N, C-alpha and C. Protein backbone atom coordinates (compact mmCIF):
# COMPACT_ATOMS: atom_id res chain seq x y z
N MET A 1 -33.53 86.03 4.57
CA MET A 1 -34.05 85.06 3.62
C MET A 1 -32.87 84.46 2.85
N LYS A 2 -32.78 83.15 2.89
CA LYS A 2 -31.70 82.45 2.19
C LYS A 2 -32.29 81.26 1.45
N VAL A 3 -31.81 81.04 0.21
CA VAL A 3 -32.26 79.91 -0.60
C VAL A 3 -31.05 79.04 -0.94
N LEU A 4 -31.20 77.75 -0.69
CA LEU A 4 -30.17 76.76 -1.00
C LEU A 4 -30.69 75.91 -2.15
N LEU A 5 -29.96 75.89 -3.26
CA LEU A 5 -30.42 75.19 -4.46
C LEU A 5 -29.85 73.78 -4.56
N ILE A 6 -30.71 72.87 -4.94
CA ILE A 6 -30.32 71.50 -5.27
C ILE A 6 -30.81 71.23 -6.69
N GLY A 7 -29.89 71.02 -7.61
CA GLY A 7 -30.24 70.67 -8.98
C GLY A 7 -30.22 69.16 -9.14
N LEU A 8 -31.15 68.67 -9.98
CA LEU A 8 -31.23 67.22 -10.21
C LEU A 8 -32.06 66.90 -11.44
N ASN A 9 -32.12 65.63 -11.75
CA ASN A 9 -33.06 65.10 -12.74
C ASN A 9 -34.38 64.93 -11.99
N HIS A 10 -35.47 65.44 -12.55
CA HIS A 10 -36.75 65.44 -11.85
C HIS A 10 -37.24 64.06 -11.41
N SER A 11 -36.80 63.00 -12.06
CA SER A 11 -37.29 61.67 -11.69
C SER A 11 -36.97 61.33 -10.23
N PHE A 12 -35.91 61.92 -9.67
CA PHE A 12 -35.53 61.63 -8.29
C PHE A 12 -36.48 62.30 -7.28
N GLN A 13 -37.23 63.30 -7.73
CA GLN A 13 -38.17 64.00 -6.85
C GLN A 13 -39.44 63.20 -6.60
N LEU A 14 -39.68 62.20 -7.43
CA LEU A 14 -40.96 61.50 -7.43
C LEU A 14 -40.88 60.19 -6.67
N GLU A 15 -41.54 60.15 -5.51
CA GLU A 15 -41.53 58.97 -4.67
C GLU A 15 -42.19 57.80 -5.41
N GLY A 16 -41.43 56.73 -5.55
CA GLY A 16 -41.95 55.53 -6.18
C GLY A 16 -41.79 55.50 -7.70
N PHE A 17 -41.25 56.57 -8.30
CA PHE A 17 -41.15 56.60 -9.75
C PHE A 17 -40.05 55.67 -10.28
N ASN A 18 -38.92 55.67 -9.60
CA ASN A 18 -37.83 54.79 -9.99
C ASN A 18 -37.22 54.18 -8.72
N SER A 19 -36.20 53.39 -8.88
CA SER A 19 -35.62 52.73 -7.71
C SER A 19 -34.65 53.62 -6.95
N GLU A 20 -34.33 54.81 -7.48
CA GLU A 20 -33.31 55.65 -6.85
C GLU A 20 -33.88 56.81 -6.04
N TRP A 21 -35.19 56.97 -6.01
CA TRP A 21 -35.78 58.09 -5.26
C TRP A 21 -35.43 58.02 -3.78
N GLU A 22 -35.28 56.82 -3.25
CA GLU A 22 -34.95 56.68 -1.82
C GLU A 22 -33.56 57.23 -1.51
N LEU A 23 -32.65 57.13 -2.47
CA LEU A 23 -31.31 57.69 -2.27
C LEU A 23 -31.40 59.22 -2.20
N PHE A 24 -32.26 59.81 -3.03
CA PHE A 24 -32.46 61.26 -2.95
C PHE A 24 -33.14 61.62 -1.62
N LYS A 25 -34.07 60.81 -1.19
CA LYS A 25 -34.75 61.04 0.10
C LYS A 25 -33.71 61.10 1.22
N ASN A 26 -32.76 60.18 1.22
CA ASN A 26 -31.70 60.18 2.23
C ASN A 26 -30.84 61.43 2.14
N TYR A 27 -30.47 61.79 0.91
CA TYR A 27 -29.65 62.99 0.70
C TYR A 27 -30.39 64.23 1.20
N LEU A 28 -31.66 64.39 0.80
CA LEU A 28 -32.42 65.57 1.18
C LEU A 28 -32.65 65.61 2.70
N SER A 29 -32.92 64.47 3.29
CA SER A 29 -33.09 64.41 4.75
C SER A 29 -31.82 64.88 5.46
N ASP A 30 -30.67 64.41 4.98
CA ASP A 30 -29.39 64.83 5.57
C ASP A 30 -29.17 66.33 5.42
N ARG A 31 -29.49 66.87 4.23
CA ARG A 31 -29.32 68.33 4.03
C ARG A 31 -30.24 69.12 4.97
N CYS A 32 -31.44 68.61 5.15
CA CYS A 32 -32.39 69.30 6.06
C CYS A 32 -31.87 69.28 7.49
N LEU A 33 -31.32 68.16 7.92
CA LEU A 33 -30.78 68.08 9.28
C LEU A 33 -29.57 69.00 9.44
N GLU A 34 -28.75 69.13 8.40
CA GLU A 34 -27.58 70.02 8.44
C GLU A 34 -27.96 71.49 8.36
N GLU A 35 -28.89 71.83 7.48
CA GLU A 35 -29.20 73.23 7.17
C GLU A 35 -30.36 73.79 7.98
N ASN A 36 -31.22 72.93 8.49
CA ASN A 36 -32.38 73.34 9.28
C ASN A 36 -33.25 74.39 8.57
N PRO A 37 -33.74 74.07 7.36
CA PRO A 37 -34.60 75.02 6.66
C PRO A 37 -35.99 75.06 7.29
N ASP A 38 -36.70 76.15 7.06
CA ASP A 38 -38.09 76.19 7.51
C ASP A 38 -39.04 76.02 6.33
N LEU A 39 -38.48 75.82 5.12
CA LEU A 39 -39.29 75.61 3.92
C LEU A 39 -38.50 74.76 2.91
N ILE A 40 -39.21 73.83 2.28
CA ILE A 40 -38.66 73.12 1.11
C ILE A 40 -39.59 73.47 -0.04
N ALA A 41 -39.02 74.06 -1.08
CA ALA A 41 -39.78 74.42 -2.28
C ALA A 41 -39.21 73.61 -3.44
N GLU A 42 -40.04 73.44 -4.47
CA GLU A 42 -39.55 72.63 -5.59
C GLU A 42 -40.24 72.96 -6.90
N GLU A 43 -39.48 72.74 -7.96
CA GLU A 43 -40.00 72.84 -9.33
C GLU A 43 -40.77 71.55 -9.59
N LEU A 44 -42.02 71.54 -9.19
CA LEU A 44 -42.89 70.38 -9.34
C LEU A 44 -44.29 70.85 -9.00
N ASN A 45 -45.29 70.06 -9.39
CA ASN A 45 -46.67 70.34 -9.01
C ASN A 45 -47.43 69.02 -8.90
N ILE A 46 -48.61 69.08 -8.32
CA ILE A 46 -49.42 67.87 -8.10
C ILE A 46 -49.76 67.20 -9.42
N GLU A 47 -50.07 67.99 -10.44
CA GLU A 47 -50.42 67.45 -11.75
C GLU A 47 -49.30 66.56 -12.30
N ALA A 48 -48.04 66.98 -12.13
CA ALA A 48 -46.90 66.20 -12.61
C ALA A 48 -46.76 64.89 -11.83
N ILE A 49 -47.00 64.94 -10.53
CA ILE A 49 -46.93 63.72 -9.72
C ILE A 49 -47.94 62.71 -10.23
N GLU A 50 -49.15 63.18 -10.52
CA GLU A 50 -50.20 62.29 -11.03
C GLU A 50 -49.87 61.80 -12.44
N LEU A 51 -49.37 62.69 -13.27
CA LEU A 51 -49.02 62.33 -14.64
C LEU A 51 -47.98 61.20 -14.68
N TRP A 52 -46.98 61.29 -13.81
CA TRP A 52 -45.91 60.29 -13.79
C TRP A 52 -46.25 59.09 -12.90
N LYS A 53 -47.49 59.10 -12.36
CA LYS A 53 -47.98 57.99 -11.54
C LYS A 53 -47.05 57.68 -10.35
N ALA A 54 -46.55 58.75 -9.76
CA ALA A 54 -45.72 58.61 -8.56
C ALA A 54 -46.61 58.62 -7.33
N ASN A 55 -46.06 58.20 -6.21
CA ASN A 55 -46.82 58.17 -4.96
C ASN A 55 -46.95 59.56 -4.33
N ASP A 56 -45.88 60.34 -4.44
CA ASP A 56 -45.85 61.66 -3.82
C ASP A 56 -44.55 62.35 -4.24
N SER A 57 -44.38 63.55 -3.74
CA SER A 57 -43.12 64.27 -3.88
C SER A 57 -42.24 63.88 -2.69
N VAL A 58 -41.00 63.53 -2.97
CA VAL A 58 -40.05 63.21 -1.90
C VAL A 58 -39.93 64.40 -0.95
N ALA A 59 -39.82 65.59 -1.52
CA ALA A 59 -39.64 66.80 -0.71
C ALA A 59 -40.85 67.05 0.19
N ARG A 60 -42.05 66.89 -0.34
CA ARG A 60 -43.25 67.12 0.47
C ARG A 60 -43.31 66.11 1.61
N ARG A 61 -42.96 64.88 1.31
CA ARG A 61 -42.98 63.83 2.34
C ARG A 61 -41.99 64.18 3.47
N ILE A 62 -40.80 64.62 3.09
CA ILE A 62 -39.79 64.98 4.10
C ILE A 62 -40.23 66.21 4.88
N ALA A 63 -40.72 67.22 4.19
CA ALA A 63 -41.18 68.43 4.87
C ALA A 63 -42.25 68.09 5.90
N ASN A 64 -43.21 67.25 5.51
CA ASN A 64 -44.27 66.85 6.44
C ASN A 64 -43.71 66.10 7.64
N SER A 65 -42.75 65.20 7.40
CA SER A 65 -42.18 64.42 8.50
C SER A 65 -41.37 65.29 9.46
N LEU A 66 -40.78 66.38 8.94
CA LEU A 66 -39.99 67.28 9.79
C LEU A 66 -40.81 68.43 10.36
N GLY A 67 -42.05 68.55 9.91
CA GLY A 67 -42.91 69.62 10.40
C GLY A 67 -42.52 70.99 9.90
N ILE A 68 -41.99 71.04 8.66
CA ILE A 68 -41.63 72.33 8.06
C ILE A 68 -42.49 72.58 6.82
N GLY A 69 -42.45 73.79 6.32
CA GLY A 69 -43.27 74.15 5.17
C GLY A 69 -42.81 73.48 3.89
N HIS A 70 -43.76 73.32 2.98
CA HIS A 70 -43.47 72.78 1.66
C HIS A 70 -44.22 73.62 0.64
N LEU A 71 -43.61 73.83 -0.53
CA LEU A 71 -44.23 74.64 -1.57
C LEU A 71 -43.93 74.08 -2.95
N PHE A 72 -45.00 73.75 -3.70
CA PHE A 72 -44.85 73.44 -5.12
C PHE A 72 -44.76 74.77 -5.85
N CYS A 73 -43.77 74.94 -6.72
CA CYS A 73 -43.58 76.22 -7.39
C CYS A 73 -43.80 76.19 -8.89
N ASP A 74 -43.83 75.02 -9.51
CA ASP A 74 -43.98 74.97 -10.96
C ASP A 74 -45.46 75.08 -11.33
N PRO A 75 -45.78 75.90 -12.33
CA PRO A 75 -47.18 76.05 -12.71
C PRO A 75 -47.73 74.77 -13.34
N ASP A 76 -48.98 74.44 -13.01
CA ASP A 76 -49.63 73.31 -13.66
C ASP A 76 -50.16 73.79 -15.02
N SER A 77 -50.83 72.93 -15.74
CA SER A 77 -51.23 73.26 -17.12
C SER A 77 -52.17 74.47 -17.18
N SER A 78 -53.09 74.60 -16.24
CA SER A 78 -53.99 75.76 -16.29
C SER A 78 -53.25 77.05 -15.94
N GLU A 79 -52.32 77.00 -14.99
CA GLU A 79 -51.51 78.17 -14.66
C GLU A 79 -50.59 78.55 -15.82
N ARG A 80 -50.04 77.53 -16.49
CA ARG A 80 -49.17 77.79 -17.64
C ARG A 80 -49.95 78.51 -18.75
N GLU A 81 -51.18 78.08 -18.96
CA GLU A 81 -52.00 78.71 -19.98
C GLU A 81 -52.23 80.19 -19.64
N LYS A 82 -52.53 80.47 -18.36
CA LYS A 82 -52.77 81.85 -17.92
C LYS A 82 -51.56 82.75 -18.12
N ILE A 83 -50.35 82.21 -17.89
CA ILE A 83 -49.15 83.04 -18.00
C ILE A 83 -48.44 82.91 -19.35
N GLY A 84 -49.03 82.11 -20.24
CA GLY A 84 -48.51 82.04 -21.60
C GLY A 84 -47.31 81.14 -21.80
N ILE A 85 -47.28 80.02 -21.07
CA ILE A 85 -46.20 79.04 -21.23
C ILE A 85 -46.78 77.82 -21.92
N LYS A 86 -46.24 77.49 -23.08
CA LYS A 86 -46.75 76.36 -23.87
C LYS A 86 -46.06 75.06 -23.49
N SER A 87 -46.80 73.98 -23.64
CA SER A 87 -46.24 72.65 -23.41
C SER A 87 -45.38 72.26 -24.62
N ILE A 88 -44.60 71.22 -24.46
CA ILE A 88 -43.79 70.69 -25.56
C ILE A 88 -44.70 70.30 -26.73
N LYS A 89 -45.83 69.66 -26.43
CA LYS A 89 -46.77 69.25 -27.48
C LYS A 89 -47.30 70.47 -28.23
N GLU A 90 -47.63 71.53 -27.49
CA GLU A 90 -48.15 72.74 -28.12
C GLU A 90 -47.09 73.41 -29.00
N ILE A 91 -45.86 73.43 -28.53
CA ILE A 91 -44.78 74.01 -29.32
C ILE A 91 -44.60 73.22 -30.61
N ALA A 92 -44.55 71.90 -30.49
CA ALA A 92 -44.39 71.04 -31.67
C ALA A 92 -45.53 71.26 -32.66
N SER A 93 -46.74 71.35 -32.16
CA SER A 93 -47.91 71.58 -33.00
C SER A 93 -47.82 72.95 -33.70
N ASP A 94 -47.43 73.97 -32.95
CA ASP A 94 -47.28 75.32 -33.52
C ASP A 94 -46.25 75.33 -34.65
N LEU A 95 -45.24 74.48 -34.53
CA LEU A 95 -44.20 74.40 -35.55
C LEU A 95 -44.61 73.50 -36.72
N GLY A 96 -45.79 72.89 -36.61
CA GLY A 96 -46.30 72.03 -37.67
C GLY A 96 -45.76 70.61 -37.64
N TYR A 97 -45.26 70.18 -36.47
CA TYR A 97 -44.69 68.84 -36.35
C TYR A 97 -45.75 67.87 -35.87
N GLY A 98 -45.54 66.60 -36.19
CA GLY A 98 -46.43 65.54 -35.72
C GLY A 98 -46.00 65.05 -34.34
N HIS A 99 -46.47 63.84 -33.99
CA HIS A 99 -46.16 63.28 -32.68
C HIS A 99 -44.74 62.73 -32.59
N ALA A 100 -44.26 62.12 -33.66
CA ALA A 100 -42.91 61.58 -33.67
C ALA A 100 -41.99 62.62 -34.30
N LEU A 101 -41.05 63.11 -33.49
CA LEU A 101 -40.16 64.18 -33.96
C LEU A 101 -38.81 63.64 -34.41
N THR A 102 -38.27 64.24 -35.45
CA THR A 102 -36.91 63.93 -35.85
C THR A 102 -35.98 64.61 -34.84
N SER A 103 -34.72 64.28 -34.85
CA SER A 103 -33.78 64.90 -33.92
C SER A 103 -33.68 66.41 -34.18
N GLN A 104 -33.75 66.81 -35.45
CA GLN A 104 -33.70 68.23 -35.79
C GLN A 104 -34.96 68.95 -35.27
N GLU A 105 -36.10 68.32 -35.43
CA GLU A 105 -37.35 68.91 -34.92
C GLU A 105 -37.32 69.00 -33.40
N SER A 106 -36.81 67.96 -32.74
CA SER A 106 -36.69 67.97 -31.28
C SER A 106 -35.81 69.12 -30.80
N GLU A 107 -34.72 69.36 -31.52
CA GLU A 107 -33.83 70.47 -31.17
C GLU A 107 -34.55 71.81 -31.26
N LYS A 108 -35.33 72.00 -32.32
CA LYS A 108 -36.08 73.24 -32.49
C LYS A 108 -37.12 73.42 -31.38
N VAL A 109 -37.80 72.34 -31.03
CA VAL A 109 -38.80 72.39 -29.95
C VAL A 109 -38.11 72.75 -28.63
N GLU A 110 -36.96 72.13 -28.38
CA GLU A 110 -36.21 72.41 -27.15
C GLU A 110 -35.77 73.87 -27.08
N ILE A 111 -35.33 74.42 -28.20
CA ILE A 111 -34.93 75.83 -28.25
C ILE A 111 -36.12 76.73 -27.92
N MET A 112 -37.27 76.42 -28.50
CA MET A 112 -38.47 77.22 -28.23
C MET A 112 -38.90 77.09 -26.76
N ASP A 113 -38.79 75.90 -26.22
CA ASP A 113 -39.15 75.68 -24.82
C ASP A 113 -38.22 76.49 -23.90
N LYS A 114 -36.94 76.49 -24.19
CA LYS A 114 -35.97 77.22 -23.35
C LYS A 114 -36.24 78.72 -23.36
N LYS A 115 -36.84 79.22 -24.42
CA LYS A 115 -37.18 80.64 -24.48
C LYS A 115 -38.25 81.00 -23.43
N GLN A 116 -38.95 79.99 -22.92
CA GLN A 116 -39.99 80.21 -21.92
C GLN A 116 -39.46 80.10 -20.48
N TRP A 117 -38.22 79.68 -20.33
CA TRP A 117 -37.67 79.43 -19.01
C TRP A 117 -37.69 80.67 -18.12
N ASP A 118 -37.45 81.83 -18.70
CA ASP A 118 -37.45 83.05 -17.90
C ASP A 118 -38.82 83.26 -17.24
N LYS A 119 -39.90 83.03 -18.00
CA LYS A 119 -41.25 83.15 -17.45
C LYS A 119 -41.47 82.16 -16.31
N ARG A 120 -41.05 80.94 -16.52
CA ARG A 120 -41.22 79.91 -15.49
C ARG A 120 -40.43 80.26 -14.24
N GLU A 121 -39.19 80.67 -14.41
CA GLU A 121 -38.36 80.98 -13.25
C GLU A 121 -38.90 82.20 -12.50
N LYS A 122 -39.44 83.16 -13.22
CA LYS A 122 -40.07 84.31 -12.56
C LYS A 122 -41.30 83.86 -11.77
N TYR A 123 -42.02 82.90 -12.30
CA TYR A 123 -43.17 82.36 -11.59
C TYR A 123 -42.72 81.68 -10.30
N TRP A 124 -41.66 80.85 -10.36
CA TRP A 124 -41.15 80.20 -9.15
C TRP A 124 -40.77 81.25 -8.11
N LEU A 125 -40.08 82.29 -8.58
CA LEU A 125 -39.65 83.36 -7.68
C LEU A 125 -40.86 84.03 -7.03
N SER A 126 -41.89 84.31 -7.81
CA SER A 126 -43.08 84.95 -7.25
C SER A 126 -43.74 84.06 -6.20
N ARG A 127 -43.79 82.75 -6.46
CA ARG A 127 -44.37 81.81 -5.49
C ARG A 127 -43.54 81.81 -4.20
N LEU A 128 -42.24 81.84 -4.36
CA LEU A 128 -41.34 81.83 -3.21
C LEU A 128 -41.50 83.11 -2.38
N LEU A 129 -41.62 84.24 -3.06
CA LEU A 129 -41.73 85.52 -2.35
C LEU A 129 -43.08 85.68 -1.63
N GLU A 130 -44.05 84.84 -1.96
CA GLU A 130 -45.33 84.86 -1.25
C GLU A 130 -45.20 84.25 0.15
N LYS A 131 -44.13 83.51 0.37
CA LYS A 131 -43.93 82.79 1.64
C LYS A 131 -43.02 83.57 2.58
N ASP A 132 -43.29 83.41 3.85
CA ASP A 132 -42.44 83.99 4.88
C ASP A 132 -41.53 82.88 5.39
N PHE A 133 -40.24 83.00 5.11
CA PHE A 133 -39.29 81.97 5.54
C PHE A 133 -37.93 82.60 5.80
N GLN A 134 -37.13 81.89 6.56
CA GLN A 134 -35.75 82.32 6.81
C GLN A 134 -34.77 81.59 5.90
N LYS A 135 -34.98 80.26 5.79
CA LYS A 135 -34.08 79.44 4.98
C LYS A 135 -34.91 78.41 4.22
N CYS A 136 -34.66 78.32 2.92
CA CYS A 136 -35.41 77.42 2.05
C CYS A 136 -34.44 76.56 1.25
N ILE A 137 -34.74 75.29 1.18
CA ILE A 137 -34.07 74.42 0.21
C ILE A 137 -34.99 74.38 -1.00
N PHE A 138 -34.46 74.75 -2.16
CA PHE A 138 -35.25 74.78 -3.40
C PHE A 138 -34.68 73.73 -4.34
N ILE A 139 -35.54 72.79 -4.75
CA ILE A 139 -35.15 71.70 -5.64
C ILE A 139 -35.59 72.07 -7.05
N VAL A 140 -34.64 72.01 -7.98
CA VAL A 140 -34.89 72.49 -9.33
C VAL A 140 -34.17 71.58 -10.33
N GLY A 141 -34.70 71.51 -11.54
CA GLY A 141 -34.01 70.76 -12.59
C GLY A 141 -32.61 71.31 -12.79
N SER A 142 -31.65 70.43 -12.98
CA SER A 142 -30.25 70.84 -13.05
C SER A 142 -29.98 71.89 -14.14
N ASP A 143 -30.77 71.88 -15.23
CA ASP A 143 -30.57 72.87 -16.29
C ASP A 143 -30.92 74.29 -15.84
N HIS A 144 -31.66 74.43 -14.75
CA HIS A 144 -32.10 75.73 -14.27
C HIS A 144 -31.25 76.30 -13.13
N VAL A 145 -30.32 75.54 -12.61
CA VAL A 145 -29.59 75.96 -11.41
C VAL A 145 -28.93 77.33 -11.61
N ASP A 146 -28.15 77.48 -12.65
CA ASP A 146 -27.40 78.73 -12.83
C ASP A 146 -28.31 79.92 -13.11
N SER A 147 -29.30 79.74 -13.97
CA SER A 147 -30.17 80.87 -14.31
C SER A 147 -31.08 81.23 -13.14
N PHE A 148 -31.57 80.26 -12.38
CA PHE A 148 -32.41 80.58 -11.23
C PHE A 148 -31.58 81.20 -10.11
N TYR A 149 -30.36 80.71 -9.95
CA TYR A 149 -29.42 81.31 -8.99
C TYR A 149 -29.27 82.81 -9.30
N SER A 150 -29.04 83.13 -10.57
CA SER A 150 -28.89 84.53 -10.97
C SER A 150 -30.15 85.34 -10.69
N LYS A 151 -31.29 84.76 -10.97
CA LYS A 151 -32.56 85.45 -10.74
C LYS A 151 -32.76 85.74 -9.25
N LEU A 152 -32.43 84.79 -8.40
CA LEU A 152 -32.54 85.00 -6.95
C LEU A 152 -31.58 86.10 -6.49
N LYS A 153 -30.35 86.06 -6.98
CA LYS A 153 -29.35 87.07 -6.61
C LYS A 153 -29.78 88.46 -7.07
N GLU A 154 -30.33 88.55 -8.29
CA GLU A 154 -30.82 89.84 -8.81
C GLU A 154 -31.89 90.43 -7.90
N ASN A 155 -32.61 89.57 -7.22
CA ASN A 155 -33.67 90.00 -6.31
C ASN A 155 -33.18 90.11 -4.87
N LYS A 156 -31.86 90.19 -4.72
CA LYS A 156 -31.23 90.42 -3.41
C LYS A 156 -31.53 89.31 -2.40
N ILE A 157 -31.66 88.09 -2.91
CA ILE A 157 -31.89 86.94 -2.03
C ILE A 157 -30.57 86.19 -1.88
N GLU A 158 -30.15 86.01 -0.64
CA GLU A 158 -28.92 85.26 -0.38
C GLU A 158 -29.13 83.85 -0.92
N THR A 159 -28.22 83.38 -1.74
CA THR A 159 -28.40 82.10 -2.43
C THR A 159 -27.10 81.31 -2.44
N GLN A 160 -27.25 80.01 -2.29
CA GLN A 160 -26.10 79.10 -2.32
C GLN A 160 -26.50 77.86 -3.10
N ILE A 161 -25.61 77.34 -3.89
CA ILE A 161 -25.85 76.09 -4.61
C ILE A 161 -25.28 74.94 -3.78
N LEU A 162 -26.15 74.05 -3.34
CA LEU A 162 -25.68 72.87 -2.60
C LEU A 162 -25.12 71.83 -3.56
N THR A 163 -25.83 71.65 -4.68
CA THR A 163 -25.32 70.76 -5.74
C THR A 163 -25.98 71.16 -7.07
N ASN A 164 -25.18 71.18 -8.12
CA ASN A 164 -25.68 71.54 -9.45
C ASN A 164 -26.49 70.42 -10.09
N ASN A 165 -26.08 69.18 -9.87
CA ASN A 165 -26.73 68.06 -10.53
C ASN A 165 -26.57 66.81 -9.66
N TRP A 166 -27.45 66.69 -8.65
CA TRP A 166 -27.37 65.56 -7.74
C TRP A 166 -27.59 64.26 -8.50
N LYS A 167 -26.75 63.29 -8.16
CA LYS A 167 -26.90 61.94 -8.72
C LYS A 167 -26.64 60.93 -7.62
N PRO A 168 -27.29 59.79 -7.70
CA PRO A 168 -27.08 58.76 -6.66
C PRO A 168 -25.65 58.21 -6.66
């Protein structure tokens, strides 16, 4: 079992969201041809695709075209509630903040959100371990590359970082 990590800004994962998703599609297609994975997994879910009004996940589209497995690993809102991960709005509300945050309030919300990252990354790992695969390309937000890499290594999974922060 081997996992190859690609870190990026999530907007590139969303087909049709911006004008640069096609450049990521080309990059990911090339990596798949070079690495020959049997699974593409990603920090994304169907709810997020719908929320951002994208056409699809670039990774899912490529996996389908290559006839390999695809896995959404990020919990949607109902799964987050079950495992105790709060949304940014919920964190802000818990802190007594309104809808428009000051920069100081935003920093505090971000700190509280980062405290939940371990739970989220453990969830991704559990989803990944449910699958039978030899080689997986895992697409993750660039802020998670190092910590998720460590989590995979701690679990004795051979891991390599293909790119920390892909950009067009």
